[in-house]
């Protein structure tokens, strides 16, 4: 099962684009924190950064109600895309494709 559930903050302003077929997509980065205890038992946290893409009915929500720093809960799936860079070398990028979101 390919299922991703994240709670964190929008870390970058969304970038919007329209594809040749008329579909709209938004991309942004989300940061999450992972709490842990160091070797002395002191609480610490580690930040993780996630690339997200949003399609369809969520585009207007992202356009109107979100900006960096907004807390979000998202549900989606992990996808990997492949492309060729300027030199023709094959590259890949993994990102979370959002199916559902809640602005906290």
PDB file of N, CA and C in Angstrom:
ATOM      1  N   UNK A   1       0.846  -1.174   0.000  1.00  0.00           N
ATOM      2  CA  UNK A   1       0.000   0.000   0.000  1.00  0.00           C
ATOM      3  C   UNK A   1       0.892   1.238   0.000  1.00  0.00           C
ATOM      4  N   UNK A   2       0.589   2.193  -0.828  1.00  0.00           N
ATOM      5  CA  UNK A   2       1.340   3.433  -0.949  1.00  0.00           C
ATOM      6  C   UNK A   2       0.525   4.536  -0.280  1.00  0.00           C
ATOM      7  N   UNK A   3       0.865   4.857   0.977  1.00  0.00           N
ATOM      8  CA  UNK A   3       0.089   5.811   1.761  1.00  0.00           C
ATOM      9  C   UNK A   3       1.043   6.687   2.567  1.00  0.00           C
ATOM     10  N   UNK A   4       0.863   8.002   2.467  1.00  0.00           N
ATOM     11  CA  UNK A   4       1.689   8.963   3.197  1.00  0.00           C
ATOM     12  C   UNK A   4       0.765   9.874   3.992  1.00  0.00           C
ATOM     13  N   UNK A   5       1.103  10.095   5.261  1.00  0.00           N
ATOM     14  CA  UNK A   5       0.340  10.978   6.131  1.00  0.00           C
ATOM     15  C   UNK A   5       1.356  11.876   6.838  1.00  0.00           C
ATOM     16  N   UNK A   6       1.268  13.193   6.633  1.00  0.00           N
ATOM     17  CA  UNK A   6       2.223  14.133   7.216  1.00  0.00           C
ATOM     18  C   UNK A   6       1.497  15.277   7.909  1.00  0.00           C
ATOM     19  N   UNK A   7       2.069  15.747   9.009  1.00  0.00           N
ATOM     20  CA  UNK A   7       1.605  16.963   9.676  1.00  0.00           C
ATOM     21  C   UNK A   7       2.827  17.855   9.844  1.00  0.00           C
ATOM     22  N   UNK A   8       2.740  19.066   9.327  1.00  0.00           N
ATOM     23  CA  UNK A   8       3.877  19.973   9.404  1.00  0.00           C
ATOM     24  C   UNK A   8       3.498  21.358   8.926  1.00  0.00           C
ATOM     25  N   UNK A   9       4.512  22.091   8.479  1.00  0.00           N
ATOM     26  CA  UNK A   9       4.308  23.472   8.018  1.00  0.00           C
ATOM     27  C   UNK A   9       4.706  23.605   6.560  1.00  0.00           C
ATOM     28  N   UNK A  10       3.946  24.436   5.857  1.00  0.00           N
ATOM     29  CA  UNK A  10       4.320  24.763   4.483  1.00  0.00           C
ATOM     30  C   UNK A  10       5.615  25.569   4.556  1.00  0.00           C
ATOM     31  N   UNK A  11       6.653  25.095   3.877  1.00  0.00           N
ATOM     32  CA  UNK A  11       7.969  25.711   3.987  1.00  0.00           C
ATOM     33  C   UNK A  11       8.291  26.649   2.830  1.00  0.00           C
ATOM     34  N   UNK A  12       7.590  26.522   1.721  1.00  0.00           N
ATOM     35  CA  UNK A  12       7.837  27.410   0.584  1.00  0.00           C
ATOM     36  C   UNK A  12       6.510  27.848  -0.016  1.00  0.00           C
ATOM     37  N   UNK A  13       6.533  28.981  -0.670  1.00  0.00           N
ATOM     38  CA  UNK A  13       5.330  29.453  -1.359  1.00  0.00           C
ATOM     39  C   UNK A  13       5.025  28.497  -2.501  1.00  0.00           C
ATOM     40  N   UNK A  14       3.758  28.172  -2.720  1.00  0.00           N
ATOM     41  CA  UNK A  14       3.425  27.253  -3.810  1.00  0.00           C
ATOM     42  C   UNK A  14       3.714  27.873  -5.173  1.00  0.00           C
ATOM     43  N   UNK A  15       4.162  27.008  -6.084  1.00  0.00           N
ATOM     44  CA  UNK A  15       4.374  27.409  -7.481  1.00  0.00           C
ATOM     45  C   UNK A  15       3.289  26.740  -8.306  1.00  0.00           C
ATOM     46  N   UNK A  16       2.614  27.525  -9.127  1.00  0.00           N
ATOM     47  CA  UNK A  16       1.494  27.027  -9.919  1.00  0.00           C
ATOM     48  C   UNK A  16       1.880  26.973 -11.383  1.00  0.00           C
ATOM     49  N   UNK A  17       1.387  25.936 -12.054  1.00  0.00           N
ATOM     50  CA  UNK A  17       1.588  25.868 -13.506  1.00  0.00           C
ATOM     51  C   UNK A  17       0.414  25.130 -14.140  1.00  0.00           C
ATOM     52  N   UNK A  18       0.225  25.393 -15.417  1.00  0.00           N
ATOM     53  CA  UNK A  18      -0.826  24.729 -16.176  1.00  0.00           C
ATOM     54  C   UNK A  18      -0.167  23.874 -17.238  1.00  0.00           C
ATOM     55  N   UNK A  19      -0.596  22.628 -17.341  1.00  0.00           N
ATOM     56  CA  UNK A  19      -0.041  21.703 -18.312  1.00  0.00           C
ATOM     57  C   UNK A  19      -0.716  21.889 -19.664  1.00  0.00           C
ATOM     58  N   UNK A  20      -0.126  21.289 -20.702  1.00  0.00           N
ATOM     59  CA  UNK A  20      -0.661  21.426 -22.059  1.00  0.00           C
ATOM     60  C   UNK A  20      -2.095  20.941 -22.175  1.00  0.00           C
ATOM     61  N   UNK A  21      -2.474  19.941 -21.365  1.00  0.00           N
ATOM     62  CA  UNK A  21      -3.836  19.406 -21.425  1.00  0.00           C
ATOM     63  C   UNK A  21      -4.836  20.235 -20.619  1.00  0.00           C
ATOM     64  N   UNK A  22      -4.382  21.337 -20.014  1.00  0.00           N
ATOM     65  CA  UNK A  22      -5.254  22.225 -19.252  1.00  0.00           C
ATOM     66  C   UNK A  22      -5.287  21.940 -17.763  1.00  0.00           C
ATOM     67  N   UNK A  23      -4.699  20.834 -17.335  1.00  0.00           N
ATOM     68  CA  UNK A  23      -4.655  20.517 -15.908  1.00  0.00           C
ATOM     69  C   UNK A  23      -3.767  21.516 -15.174  1.00  0.00           C
ATOM     70  N   UNK A  24      -4.156  21.826 -13.952  1.00  0.00           N
ATOM     71  CA  UNK A  24      -3.363  22.727 -13.123  1.00  0.00           C
ATOM     72  C   UNK A  24      -2.706  21.928 -12.008  1.00  0.00           C
ATOM     73  N   UNK A  25      -1.505  22.343 -11.643  1.00  0.00           N
ATOM     74  CA  UNK A  25      -0.755  21.673 -10.584  1.00  0.00           C
ATOM     75  C   UNK A  25      -0.034  22.727  -9.756  1.00  0.00           C
ATOM     76  N   UNK A  26       0.051  22.462  -8.452  1.00  0.00           N
ATOM     77  CA  UNK A  26       0.814  23.325  -7.547  1.00  0.00           C
ATOM     78  C   UNK A  26       1.878  22.469  -6.877  1.00  0.00           C
ATOM     79  N   UNK A  27       3.042  23.048  -6.662  1.00  0.00           N
ATOM     80  CA  UNK A  27       4.143  22.364  -5.992  1.00  0.00           C
ATOM     81  C   UNK A  27       4.650  23.243  -4.861  1.00  0.00           C
ATOM     82  N   UNK A  28       4.963  22.606  -3.730  1.00  0.00           N
ATOM     83  CA  UNK A  28       5.562  23.328  -2.620  1.00  0.00           C
ATOM     84  C   UNK A  28       6.302  22.354  -1.726  1.00  0.00           C
ATOM     85  N   UNK A  29       7.039  22.899  -0.772  1.00  0.00           N
ATOM     86  CA  UNK A  29       7.792  22.096   0.175  1.00  0.00           C
ATOM     87  C   UNK A  29       7.129  22.189   1.536  1.00  0.00           C
ATOM     88  N   UNK A  30       7.113  21.068   2.228  1.00  0.00           N
ATOM     89  CA  UNK A  30       6.556  20.994   3.580  1.00  0.00           C
ATOM     90  C   UNK A  30       7.647  20.504   4.517  1.00  0.00           C
ATOM     91  N   UNK A  31       7.711  21.077   5.717  1.00  0.00           N
ATOM     92  CA  UNK A  31       8.677  20.599   6.708  1.00  0.00           C
ATOM     93  C   UNK A  31       7.930  19.909   7.846  1.00  0.00           C
ATOM     94  N   UNK A  32       8.514  18.829   8.327  1.00  0.00           N
ATOM     95  CA  UNK A  32       7.978  18.124   9.484  1.00  0.00           C
ATOM     96  C   UNK A  32       9.096  17.992  10.513  1.00  0.00           C
ATOM     97  N   UNK A  33       8.722  17.800  11.749  1.00  0.00           N
ATOM     98  CA  UNK A  33       9.703  17.630  12.827  1.00  0.00           C
ATOM     99  C   UNK A  33       9.547  16.234  13.419  1.00  0.00           C
ATOM    100  N   UNK A  34      10.685  15.605  13.694  1.00  0.00           N
ATOM    101  CA  UNK A  34      10.713  14.290  14.311  1.00  0.00           C
ATOM    102  C   UNK A  34      11.364  14.415  15.687  1.00  0.00           C
ATOM    103  N   UNK A  35      10.573  14.284  16.753  1.00  0.00           N
ATOM    104  CA  UNK A  35      11.161  14.403  18.101  1.00  0.00           C
ATOM    105  C   UNK A  35      11.932  13.133  18.476  1.00  0.00           C
ATOM    106  N   UNK A  36      13.015  13.327  19.249  1.00  0.00           N
ATOM    107  CA  UNK A  36      13.786  12.191  19.756  1.00  0.00           C
ATOM    108  C   UNK A  36      14.551  12.644  20.990  1.00  0.00           C
ATOM    109  N   UNK A  37      15.114  11.696  21.699  1.00  0.00           N
ATOM    110  CA  UNK A  37      15.952  11.990  22.860  1.00  0.00           C
ATOM    111  C   UNK A  37      17.404  11.749  22.486  1.00  0.00           C
ATOM    112  N   UNK A  38      18.289  12.698  22.855  1.00  0.00           N
ATOM    113  CA  UNK A  38      19.714  12.500  22.585  1.00  0.00           C
ATOM    114  C   UNK A  38      20.289  11.488  23.571  1.00  0.00           C
ATOM    115  N   UNK A  39      21.593  11.248  23.480  1.00  0.00           N
ATOM    116  CA  UNK A  39      22.236  10.230  24.325  1.00  0.00           C
ATOM    117  C   UNK A  39      22.148  10.534  25.826  1.00  0.00           C
ATOM    118  N   UNK A  40      21.894  11.814  26.171  1.00  0.00           N
ATOM    119  CA  UNK A  40      21.754  12.189  27.581  1.00  0.00           C
ATOM    120  C   UNK A  40      20.290  12.260  28.018  1.00  0.00           C
ATOM    121  N   UNK A  41      19.380  11.914  27.120  1.00  0.00           N
ATOM    122  CA  UNK A  41      17.958  11.938  27.454  1.00  0.00           C
ATOM    123  C   UNK A  41      17.290  13.276  27.261  1.00  0.00           C
ATOM    124  N   UNK A  42      17.990  14.228  26.650  1.00  0.00           N
ATOM    125  CA  UNK A  42      17.410  15.548  26.394  1.00  0.00           C
ATOM    126  C   UNK A  42      16.547  15.516  25.135  1.00  0.00           C
ATOM    127  N   UNK A  43      15.387  16.161  25.172  1.00  0.00           N
ATOM    128  CA  UNK A  43      14.528  16.184  23.981  1.00  0.00           C
ATOM    129  C   UNK A  43      15.142  17.028  22.862  1.00  0.00           C
ATOM    130  N   UNK A  44      15.134  16.490  21.677  1.00  0.00           N
ATOM    131  CA  UNK A  44      15.629  17.160  20.467  1.00  0.00           C
ATOM    132  C   UNK A  44      14.616  16.921  19.356  1.00  0.00           C
ATOM    133  N   UNK A  45      14.804  17.591  18.234  1.00  0.00           N
ATOM    134  CA  UNK A  45      13.971  17.308  17.067  1.00  0.00           C
ATOM    135  C   UNK A  45      14.803  17.455  15.802  1.00  0.00           C
ATOM    136  N   UNK A  46      14.433  16.682  14.823  1.00  0.00           N
ATOM    137  CA  UNK A  46      15.100  16.711  13.522  1.00  0.00           C
ATOM    138  C   UNK A  46      14.067  17.130  12.485  1.00  0.00           C
ATOM    139  N   UNK A  47      14.443  18.058  11.611  1.00  0.00           N
ATOM    140  CA  UNK A  47      13.539  18.512  10.553  1.00  0.00           C
ATOM    141  C   UNK A  47      13.698  17.655   9.311  1.00  0.00           C
ATOM    142  N   UNK A  48      12.573  17.395   8.655  1.00  0.00           N
ATOM    143  CA  UNK A  48      12.555  16.684   7.379  1.00  0.00           C
ATOM    144  C   UNK A  48      11.830  17.579   6.377  1.00  0.00           C
ATOM    145  N   UNK A  49      12.264  17.521   5.124  1.00  0.00           N
ATOM    146  CA  UNK A  49      11.692  18.351   4.071  1.00  0.00           C
ATOM    147  C   UNK A  49      11.089  17.439   3.020  1.00  0.00           C
ATOM    148  N   UNK A  50       9.867  17.771   2.587  1.00  0.00           N
ATOM    149  CA  UNK A  50       9.123  16.930   1.652  1.00  0.00           C
ATOM    150  C   UNK A  50       8.624  17.785   0.491  1.00  0.00           C
ATOM    151  N   UNK A  51       8.786  17.269  -0.721  1.00  0.00           N
ATOM    152  CA  UNK A  51       8.222  17.927  -1.900  1.00  0.00           C
ATOM    153  C   UNK A  51       6.806  17.422  -2.074  1.00  0.00           C
ATOM    154  N   UNK A  52       5.854  18.347  -2.286  1.00  0.00           N
ATOM    155  CA  UNK A  52       4.454  17.986  -2.456  1.00  0.00           C
ATOM    156  C   UNK A  52       3.922  18.542  -3.768  1.00  0.00           C
ATOM    157  N   UNK A  53       2.997  17.803  -4.378  1.00  0.00           N
ATOM    158  CA  UNK A  53       2.263  18.288  -5.544  1.00  0.00           C
ATOM    159  C   UNK A  53       0.775  18.175  -5.259  1.00  0.00           C
ATOM    160  N   UNK A  54       0.018  19.157  -5.751  1.00  0.00           N
ATOM    161  CA  UNK A  54      -1.416  19.219  -5.537  1.00  0.00           C
ATOM    162  C   UNK A  54      -2.080  19.408  -6.894  1.00  0.00           C
ATOM    163  N   UNK A  55      -3.149  18.651  -7.133  1.00  0.00           N
ATOM    164  CA  UNK A  55      -3.887  18.700  -8.394  1.00  0.00           C
ATOM    165  C   UNK A  55      -5.356  19.017  -8.134  1.00  0.00           C
ATOM    166  N   UNK A  56      -6.062  19.334  -9.198  1.00  0.00           N
ATOM    167  CA  UNK A  56      -7.523  19.373  -9.207  1.00  0.00           C
ATOM    168  C   UNK A  56      -8.163  20.357  -8.261  1.00  0.00           C
ATOM    169  N   UNK A  57      -9.146  19.846  -7.492  1.00  0.00           N
ATOM    170  CA  UNK A  57      -9.980  20.699  -6.638  1.00  0.00           C
ATOM    171  C   UNK A  57      -9.217  21.371  -5.510  1.00  0.00           C
ATOM    172  N   UNK A  58      -8.021  20.906  -5.185  1.00  0.00           N
ATOM    173  CA  UNK A  58      -7.248  21.508  -4.102  1.00  0.00           C
ATOM    174  C   UNK A  58      -6.489  22.758  -4.557  1.00  0.00           C
ATOM    175  N   UNK A  59      -6.384  22.998  -5.845  1.00  0.00           N
ATOM    176  CA  UNK A  59      -5.649  24.165  -6.353  1.00  0.00           C
ATOM    177  C   UNK A  59      -6.227  25.478  -5.806  1.00  0.00           C
ATOM    178  N   UNK A  60      -7.559  25.721  -5.882  1.00  0.00           N
ATOM    179  CA  UNK A  60      -8.088  26.979  -5.339  1.00  0.00           C
ATOM    180  C   UNK A  60      -7.827  27.145  -3.845  1.00  0.00           C
ATOM    181  N   UNK A  61      -7.858  26.061  -3.101  1.00  0.00           N
ATOM    182  CA  UNK A  61      -7.590  26.129  -1.659  1.00  0.00           C
ATOM    183  C   UNK A  61      -6.156  26.580  -1.425  1.00  0.00           C
ATOM    184  N   UNK A  62      -5.230  25.986  -2.146  1.00  0.00           N
ATOM    185  CA  UNK A  62      -3.818  26.351  -2.009  1.00  0.00           C
ATOM    186  C   UNK A  62      -3.608  27.804  -2.438  1.00  0.00           C
ATOM    187  N   UNK A  63      -4.271  28.228  -3.513  1.00  0.00           N
ATOM    188  CA  UNK A  63      -4.121  29.606  -4.000  1.00  0.00           C
ATOM    189  C   UNK A  63      -4.593  30.633  -2.981  1.00  0.00           C
ATOM    190  N   UNK A  64      -5.691  30.372  -2.306  1.00  0.00           N
ATOM    191  CA  UNK A  64      -6.310  31.380  -1.451  1.00  0.00           C
ATOM    192  C   UNK A  64      -5.923  31.313   0.021  1.00  0.00           C
ATOM    193  N   UNK A  65      -5.680  30.133   0.544  1.00  0.00           N
ATOM    194  CA  UNK A  65      -5.597  30.003   1.986  1.00  0.00           C
ATOM    195  C   UNK A  65      -4.221  29.610   2.528  1.00  0.00           C
ATOM    196  N   UNK A  66      -3.246  29.450   1.686  1.00  0.00           N
ATOM    197  CA  UNK A  66      -1.972  28.964   2.200  1.00  0.00           C
ATOM    198  C   UNK A  66      -0.816  29.882   1.856  1.00  0.00           C
ATOM    199  N   UNK A  67       0.133  29.908   2.770  1.00  0.00           N
ATOM    200  CA  UNK A  67       1.372  30.657   2.607  1.00  0.00           C
ATOM    201  C   UNK A  67       2.412  29.978   3.489  1.00  0.00           C
ATOM    202  N   UNK A  68       3.674  30.247   3.281  1.00  0.00           N
ATOM    203  CA  UNK A  68       4.693  29.613   4.127  1.00  0.00           C
ATOM    204  C   UNK A  68       4.407  29.839   5.610  1.00  0.00           C
ATOM    205  N   UNK A  69       4.578  28.777   6.393  1.00  0.00           N
ATOM    206  CA  UNK A  69       4.345  28.828   7.823  1.00  0.00           C
ATOM    207  C   UNK A  69       3.003  28.262   8.257  1.00  0.00           C
ATOM    208  N   UNK A  70       2.082  28.095   7.313  1.00  0.00           N
ATOM    209  CA  UNK A  70       0.767  27.543   7.629  1.00  0.00           C
ATOM    210  C   UNK A  70       0.913  26.064   7.972  1.00  0.00           C
ATOM    211  N   UNK A  71       0.242  25.642   9.059  1.00  0.00           N
ATOM    212  CA  UNK A  71       0.279  24.237   9.460  1.00  0.00           C
ATOM    213  C   UNK A  71      -0.727  23.446   8.635  1.00  0.00           C
ATOM    214  N   UNK A  72      -0.275  22.296   8.125  1.00  0.00           N
ATOM    215  CA  UNK A  72      -1.101  21.436   7.291  1.00  0.00           C
ATOM    216  C   UNK A  72      -1.024  19.994   7.758  1.00  0.00           C
ATOM    217  N   UNK A  73      -2.105  19.281   7.543  1.00  0.00           N
ATOM    218  CA  UNK A  73      -2.108  17.823   7.647  1.00  0.00           C
ATOM    219  C   UNK A  73      -2.464  17.320   6.260  1.00  0.00           C
ATOM    220  N   UNK A  74      -1.649  16.450   5.713  1.00  0.00           N
ATOM    221  CA  UNK A  74      -1.913  15.962   4.363  1.00  0.00           C
ATOM    222  C   UNK A  74      -1.953  14.442   4.357  1.00  0.00           C
ATOM    223  N   UNK A  75      -2.680  13.927   3.381  1.00  0.00           N
ATOM    224  CA  UNK A  75      -2.724  12.508   3.097  1.00  0.00           C
ATOM    225  C   UNK A  75      -2.480  12.371   1.610  1.00  0.00           C
ATOM    226  N   UNK A  76      -1.644  11.426   1.224  1.00  0.00           N
ATOM    227  CA  UNK A  76      -1.351  11.260  -0.183  1.00  0.00           C
ATOM    228  C   UNK A  76      -0.587   9.982  -0.455  1.00  0.00           C
ATOM    229  N   UNK A  77       0.133   9.989  -1.574  1.00  0.00           N
ATOM    230  CA  UNK A  77       0.928   8.832  -1.959  1.00  0.00           C
ATOM    231  C   UNK A  77       2.281   9.297  -2.466  1.00  0.00           C
ATOM    232  N   UNK A  78       3.266   8.451  -2.333  1.00  0.00           N
ATOM    233  CA  UNK A  78       4.615   8.765  -2.783  1.00  0.00           C
ATOM    234  C   UNK A  78       4.754   8.378  -4.249  1.00  0.00           C
ATOM    235  N   UNK A  79       5.235   9.321  -5.049  1.00  0.00           N
ATOM    236  CA  UNK A  79       5.465   9.038  -6.468  1.00  0.00           C
ATOM    237  C   UNK A  79       6.898   9.422  -6.817  1.00  0.00           C
ATOM    238  N   UNK A  80       7.431   8.779  -7.834  1.00  0.00           N
ATOM    239  CA  UNK A  80       8.756   9.116  -8.355  1.00  0.00           C
ATOM    240  C   UNK A  80       8.619   9.399  -9.841  1.00  0.00           C
ATOM    241  N   UNK A  81       9.123  10.550 -10.252  1.00  0.00           N
ATOM    242  CA  UNK A  81       9.114  10.941 -11.665  1.00  0.00           C
ATOM    243  C   UNK A  81      10.538  10.885 -12.197  1.00  0.00           C
ATOM    244  N   UNK A  82      10.672  10.568 -13.477  1.00  0.00           N
ATOM    245  CA  UNK A  82      11.965  10.542 -14.138  1.00  0.00           C
ATOM    246  C   UNK A  82      11.967  11.569 -15.266  1.00  0.00           C
ATOM    247  N   UNK A  83      13.111  12.207 -15.462  1.00  0.00           N
ATOM    248  CA  UNK A  83      13.254  13.194 -16.527  1.00  0.00           C
ATOM    249  C   UNK A  83      14.720  13.251 -16.942  1.00  0.00           C
ATOM    250  N   UNK A  84      14.979  13.913 -18.061  1.00  0.00           N
ATOM    251  CA  UNK A  84      16.355  14.105 -18.511  1.00  0.00           C
ATOM    252  C   UNK A  84      16.756  15.550 -18.253  1.00  0.00           C
ATOM    253  N   UNK A  85      17.948  15.732 -17.666  1.00  0.00           N
ATOM    254  CA  UNK A  85      18.428  17.088 -17.397  1.00  0.00           C
ATOM    255  C   UNK A  85      18.984  17.699 -18.681  1.00  0.00           C
ATOM    256  N   UNK A  86      19.544  18.890 -18.578  1.00  0.00           N
ATOM    257  CA  UNK A  86      20.036  19.615 -19.753  1.00  0.00           C
ATOM    258  C   UNK A  86      21.128  18.861 -20.497  1.00  0.00           C
ATOM    259  N   UNK A  87      21.871  18.010 -19.791  1.00  0.00           N
ATOM    260  CA  UNK A  87      22.943  17.241 -20.431  1.00  0.00           C
ATOM    261  C   UNK A  87      22.447  15.919 -20.992  1.00  0.00           C
ATOM    262  N   UNK A  88      21.157  15.604 -20.782  1.00  0.00           N
ATOM    263  CA  UNK A  88      20.592  14.356 -21.268  1.00  0.00           C
ATOM    264  C   UNK A  88      20.675  13.213 -20.268  1.00  0.00           C
ATOM    265  N   UNK A  89      21.221  13.485 -19.091  1.00  0.00           N
ATOM    266  CA  UNK A  89      21.335  12.460 -18.060  1.00  0.00           C
ATOM    267  C   UNK A  89      19.980  12.246 -17.388  1.00  0.00           C
ATOM    268  N   UNK A  90      19.632  10.983 -17.141  1.00  0.00           N
ATOM    269  CA  UNK A  90      18.358  10.656 -16.499  1.00  0.00           C
ATOM    270  C   UNK A  90      18.418  11.006 -15.009  1.00  0.00           C
ATOM    271  N   UNK A  91      17.403  11.749 -14.558  1.00  0.00           N
ATOM    272  CA  UNK A  91      17.289  12.161 -13.166  1.00  0.00           C
ATOM    273  C   UNK A  91      15.948  11.687 -12.623  1.00  0.00           C
ATOM    274  N   UNK A  92      15.836  11.671 -11.301  1.00  0.00           N
ATOM    275  CA  UNK A  92      14.558  11.319 -10.692  1.00  0.00           C
ATOM    276  C   UNK A  92      14.266  12.261  -9.532  1.00  0.00           C
ATOM    277  N   UNK A  93      12.985  12.387  -9.239  1.00  0.00           N
ATOM    278  CA  UNK A  93      12.541  13.172  -8.085  1.00  0.00           C
ATOM    279  C   UNK A  93      11.376  12.419  -7.450  1.00  0.00           C
ATOM    280  N   UNK A  94      11.408  12.295  -6.131  1.00  0.00           N
ATOM    281  CA  UNK A  94      10.305  11.679  -5.393  1.00  0.00           C
ATOM    282  C   UNK A  94       9.547  12.777  -4.672  1.00  0.00           C
ATOM    283  N   UNK A  95       8.228  12.664  -4.678  1.00  0.00           N
ATOM    284  CA  UNK A  95       7.388  13.669  -4.045  1.00  0.00           C
ATOM    285  C   UNK A  95       6.091  13.033  -3.579  1.00  0.00           C
ATOM    286  N   UNK A  96       5.391  13.752  -2.726  1.00  0.00           N
ATOM    287  CA  UNK A  96       4.103  13.290  -2.231  1.00  0.00           C
ATOM    288  C   UNK A  96       3.016  13.955  -3.064  1.00  0.00           C
ATOM    289  N   UNK A  97       2.170  13.146  -3.661  1.00  0.00           N
ATOM    290  CA  UNK A  97       1.014  13.638  -4.403  1.00  0.00           C
ATOM    291  C   UNK A  97      -0.157  13.692  -3.422  1.00  0.00           C
ATOM    292  N   UNK A  98      -0.658  14.881  -3.152  1.00  0.00           N
ATOM    293  CA  UNK A  98      -1.668  15.100  -2.119  1.00  0.00           C
ATOM    294  C   UNK A  98      -3.051  14.665  -2.615  1.00  0.00           C
ATOM    295  N   UNK A  99      -3.718  13.841  -1.806  1.00  0.00           N
ATOM    296  CA  UNK A  99      -5.110  13.440  -2.074  1.00  0.00           C
ATOM    297  C   UNK A  99      -6.083  14.213  -1.204  1.00  0.00           C
ATOM    298  N   UNK A 100      -5.646  14.567  -0.001  1.00  0.00           N
ATOM    299  CA  UNK A 100      -6.522  15.256   0.947  1.00  0.00           C
ATOM    300  C   UNK A 100      -5.665  16.148   1.834  1.00  0.00           C
ATOM    301  N   UNK A 101      -6.202  17.269   2.267  1.00  0.00           N
ATOM    302  CA  UNK A 101      -5.447  18.136   3.176  1.00  0.00           C
ATOM    303  C   UNK A 101      -6.381  18.879   4.112  1.00  0.00           C
ATOM    304  N   UNK A 102      -5.831  19.214   5.256  1.00  0.00           N
ATOM    305  CA  UNK A 102      -6.537  20.004   6.269  1.00  0.00           C
ATOM    306  C   UNK A 102      -5.618  21.132   6.679  1.00  0.00           C
ATOM    307  N   UNK A 103      -6.113  22.357   6.667  1.00  0.00           N
ATOM    308  CA  UNK A 103      -5.341  23.485   7.164  1.00  0.00           C
ATOM    309  C   UNK A 103      -5.596  23.570   8.658  1.00  0.00           C
ATOM    310  N   UNK A 104      -4.543  23.455   9.443  1.00  0.00           N
ATOM    311  CA  UNK A 104      -4.683  23.411  10.905  1.00  0.00           C
ATOM    312  C   UNK A 104      -4.629  24.801  11.524  1.00  0.00           C
TER     313      UNK A 104
END
